[in-house]
C-alpha atoms as a PDB file:
ATOM      1  CA  MET A   1     -25.939   3.849   0.701  1.00  0.00           C
ATOM      2  CA  GLU A   2     -27.101   7.082  -0.888  1.00  0.00           C
ATOM      3  CA  LEU A   3     -26.606   8.833   2.460  1.00  0.00           C
ATOM      4  CA  ILE A   4     -22.932   7.929   2.593  1.00  0.00           C
ATOM      5  CA  GLU A   5     -22.161   8.530  -1.094  1.00  0.00           C
ATOM      6  CA  PRO A   6     -20.447  11.880  -0.364  1.00  0.00           C
ATOM      7  CA  LEU A   7     -17.994  10.015   1.882  1.00  0.00           C
ATOM      8  CA  TRP A   8     -17.100   7.323  -0.581  1.00  0.00           C
ATOM      9  CA  PRO A   9     -18.636   8.127  -3.974  1.00  0.00           C
ATOM     10  CA  ARG A  10     -16.962   5.601  -6.259  1.00  0.00           C
ATOM     11  CA  VAL A  11     -17.430   2.594  -3.983  1.00  0.00           C
ATOM     12  CA  THR A  12     -20.941   3.602  -2.918  1.00  0.00           C
ATOM     13  CA  ARG A  13     -22.065   3.926  -6.524  1.00  0.00           C
ATOM     14  CA  ALA A  14     -20.583   0.521  -7.371  1.00  0.00           C
ATOM     15  CA  TRP A  15     -22.247  -1.023  -4.301  1.00  0.00           C
ATOM     16  CA  SER A  16     -25.602   0.490  -5.263  1.00  0.00           C
ATOM     17  CA  GLU A  17     -25.302  -0.866  -8.799  1.00  0.00           C
ATOM     18  CA  GLU A  18     -24.416  -4.295  -7.443  1.00  0.00           C
ATOM     19  CA  ALA A  19     -27.405  -4.170  -5.070  1.00  0.00           C
ATOM     20  CA  GLN A  20     -29.638  -3.303  -8.024  1.00  0.00           C
ATOM     21  CA  ARG A  21     -28.325  -6.351  -9.909  1.00  0.00           C
ATOM     22  CA  LEU A  22     -29.124  -8.493  -6.868  1.00  0.00           C
ATOM     23  CA  ARG A  23     -32.655  -7.055  -6.731  1.00  0.00           C
ATOM     24  CA  ASN A  24     -33.089  -7.852 -10.428  1.00  0.00           C
ATOM     25  CA  GLN A  25     -31.967 -11.459  -9.961  1.00  0.00           C
ATOM     26  CA  LEU A  26     -34.263 -11.955  -6.984  1.00  0.00           C
ATOM     27  CA  GLY A  27     -37.125 -10.270  -8.820  1.00  0.00           C
ATOM     28  CA  ALA A  28     -36.686 -12.606 -11.793  1.00  0.00           C
ATOM     29  CA  CYS A  29     -36.662 -15.549  -9.382  1.00  0.00           C
ATOM     30  CA  GLN A  30     -39.906 -14.277  -7.831  1.00  0.00           C
ATOM     31  CA  ASP A  31     -41.461 -13.991 -11.302  1.00  0.00           C
ATOM     32  CA  LEU A  32     -40.593 -17.621 -11.937  1.00  0.00           C
ATOM     33  CA  SER A  33     -42.175 -18.611  -8.624  1.00  0.00           C
ATOM     34  CA  VAL A  34     -45.384 -16.919  -9.709  1.00  0.00           C
ATOM     35  CA  LEU A  35     -45.196 -18.671 -13.075  1.00  0.00           C
ATOM     36  CA  THR A  36     -44.838 -21.988 -11.243  1.00  0.00           C
ATOM     37  CA  GLY A  37     -48.226 -21.324  -9.675  1.00  0.00           C
ATOM     38  CA  PHE A  38     -49.767 -20.912 -13.112  1.00  0.00           C
ATOM     39  CA  VAL A  39     -48.626 -24.368 -14.229  1.00  0.00           C
ATOM     40  CA  ALA A  40     -50.085 -26.110 -11.185  1.00  0.00           C
ATOM     41  CA  PRO A  41     -53.034 -28.484 -11.699  1.00  0.00           C
ATOM     42  CA  ARG A  42     -56.273 -26.725 -12.702  1.00  0.00           C
ATOM     43  CA  GLN A  43     -54.443 -23.448 -13.340  1.00  0.00           C
ATOM     44  CA  PRO A  44     -54.327 -21.517 -16.635  1.00  0.00           C
ATOM     45  CA  LEU A  45     -51.052 -23.056 -17.876  1.00  0.00           C
ATOM     46  CA  ALA A  46     -51.571 -26.556 -16.464  1.00  0.00           C
ATOM     47  CA  ALA A  47     -51.554 -28.072 -19.958  1.00  0.00           C
ATOM     48  CA  TRP A  48     -47.970 -26.825 -20.400  1.00  0.00           C
ATOM     49  CA  ARG A  49     -46.741 -28.068 -17.017  1.00  0.00           C
ATOM     50  CA  SER A  50     -44.587 -30.917 -18.331  1.00  0.00           C
ATOM     51  CA  ARG A  51     -42.785 -28.594 -20.734  1.00  0.00           C
ATOM     52  CA  LEU A  52     -42.505 -25.510 -18.570  1.00  0.00           C
ATOM     53  CA  THR A  53     -41.621 -26.971 -15.160  1.00  0.00           C
ATOM     54  CA  PRO A  54     -38.073 -28.112 -16.094  1.00  0.00           C
ATOM     55  CA  LEU A  55     -37.382 -24.813 -17.886  1.00  0.00           C
ATOM     56  CA  ILE A  56     -38.646 -22.789 -14.952  1.00  0.00           C
ATOM     57  CA  ALA A  57     -36.562 -24.838 -12.498  1.00  0.00           C
ATOM     58  CA  ALA A  58     -33.392 -24.447 -14.570  1.00  0.00           C
ATOM     59  CA  ARG A  59     -33.854 -20.709 -14.988  1.00  0.00           C
ATOM     60  CA  ARG A  60     -34.700 -20.265 -11.298  1.00  0.00           C
ATOM     61  CA  GLU A  61     -31.564 -22.203 -10.332  1.00  0.00           C
ATOM     62  CA  ARG A  62     -29.463 -19.907 -12.512  1.00  0.00           C
ATOM     63  CA  HIS A  63     -31.008 -16.773 -10.985  1.00  0.00           C
ATOM     64  CA  LEU A  64     -30.466 -18.085  -7.444  1.00  0.00           C
ATOM     65  CA  LYS A  65     -26.848 -18.968  -8.215  1.00  0.00           C
ATOM     66  CA  ASN A  66     -26.200 -15.475  -9.583  1.00  0.00           C
ATOM     67  CA  ALA A  67     -28.004 -13.901  -6.618  1.00  0.00           C
ATOM     68  CA  ALA A  68     -25.886 -15.889  -4.163  1.00  0.00           C
ATOM     69  CA  ARG A  69     -22.712 -14.755  -5.924  1.00  0.00           C
ATOM     70  CA  LEU A  70     -23.806 -11.103  -5.825  1.00  0.00           C
ATOM     71  CA  ALA A  71     -24.911 -11.343  -2.180  1.00  0.00           C
ATOM     72  CA  GLY A  72     -21.571 -12.879  -1.255  1.00  0.00           C
ATOM     73  CA  ARG A  73     -19.795  -9.826  -2.617  1.00  0.00           C
ATOM     74  CA  LEU A  74     -22.239  -7.277  -1.239  1.00  0.00           C
ATOM     75  CA  PHE A  75     -22.395  -8.683   2.264  1.00  0.00           C
ATOM     76  CA  ALA A  76     -18.837  -9.955   2.639  1.00  0.00           C
ATOM     77  CA  GLU A  77     -18.218  -7.510   5.456  1.00  0.00           C
ATOM     78  CA  LYS A  78     -19.941  -7.999   8.798  1.00  0.00           C
ATOM     79  CA  PRO A  79     -22.364  -5.200   9.757  1.00  0.00           C
ATOM     80  CA  LYS A  80     -20.294  -3.941  12.721  1.00  0.00           C
ATOM     81  CA  ALA A  81     -17.138  -3.768  10.596  1.00  0.00           C
ATOM     82  CA  PHE A  82     -19.042  -1.915   7.897  1.00  0.00           C
ATOM     83  CA  ARG A  83     -20.411   0.537  10.461  1.00  0.00           C
ATOM     84  CA  ARG A  84     -16.904   1.151  11.865  1.00  0.00           C
ATOM     85  CA  ARG A  85     -15.532   1.803   8.373  1.00  0.00           C
ATOM     86  CA  ILE A  86     -18.319   4.263   7.546  1.00  0.00           C
ATOM     87  CA  ALA A  87     -17.770   6.052  10.889  1.00  0.00           C
ATOM     88  CA  ALA A  88     -14.052   6.346  10.126  1.00  0.00           C
ATOM     89  CA  LEU A  89     -14.812   7.761   6.680  1.00  0.00           C
ATOM     90  CA  TRP A  90     -17.200  10.260   8.249  1.00  0.00           C
ATOM     91  CA  ARG A  91     -14.618  11.387  10.817  1.00  0.00           C
ATOM     92  CA  ALA A  92     -11.979  11.772   8.090  1.00  0.00           C
ATOM     93  CA  ARG A  93     -14.362  13.899   6.034  1.00  0.00           C
ATOM     94  CA  GLU A  94     -15.148  16.087   9.049  1.00  0.00           C
ATOM     95  CA  ARG A  95     -11.419  16.638   9.673  1.00  0.00           C
ATOM     96  CA  ARG A  96     -10.843  17.595   6.019  1.00  0.00           C
ATOM     97  CA  THR A  97     -13.794  19.990   6.093  1.00  0.00           C
ATOM     98  CA  ALA A  98     -12.662  21.577   9.387  1.00  0.00           C
ATOM     99  CA  LYS A  99      -9.186  22.319   7.958  1.00  0.00           C
ATOM    100  CA  LYS A 100     -10.600  24.369   5.084  1.00  0.00           C
END
């Protein structure tokens, strides 16, 4: 997306920020998956398993729901359609530059 920012700066920046939010949600979900391993039997937090497991599951569900919402917006357009739109933006920029 950084490569095409000159073609479409406002939208590209917004898309990049949205992608970063998606990465954060998925990263938090991954952290919770790791924490789940620590509450397994004979692991360091096993004594807290009954208290932590429902909290971890609820938080993970919330992160996955938010990630799905973000991904739905980011990837709403099919890849070929996206490629065609970027190519059209590139051609339009070339025409504007050639006229100067």
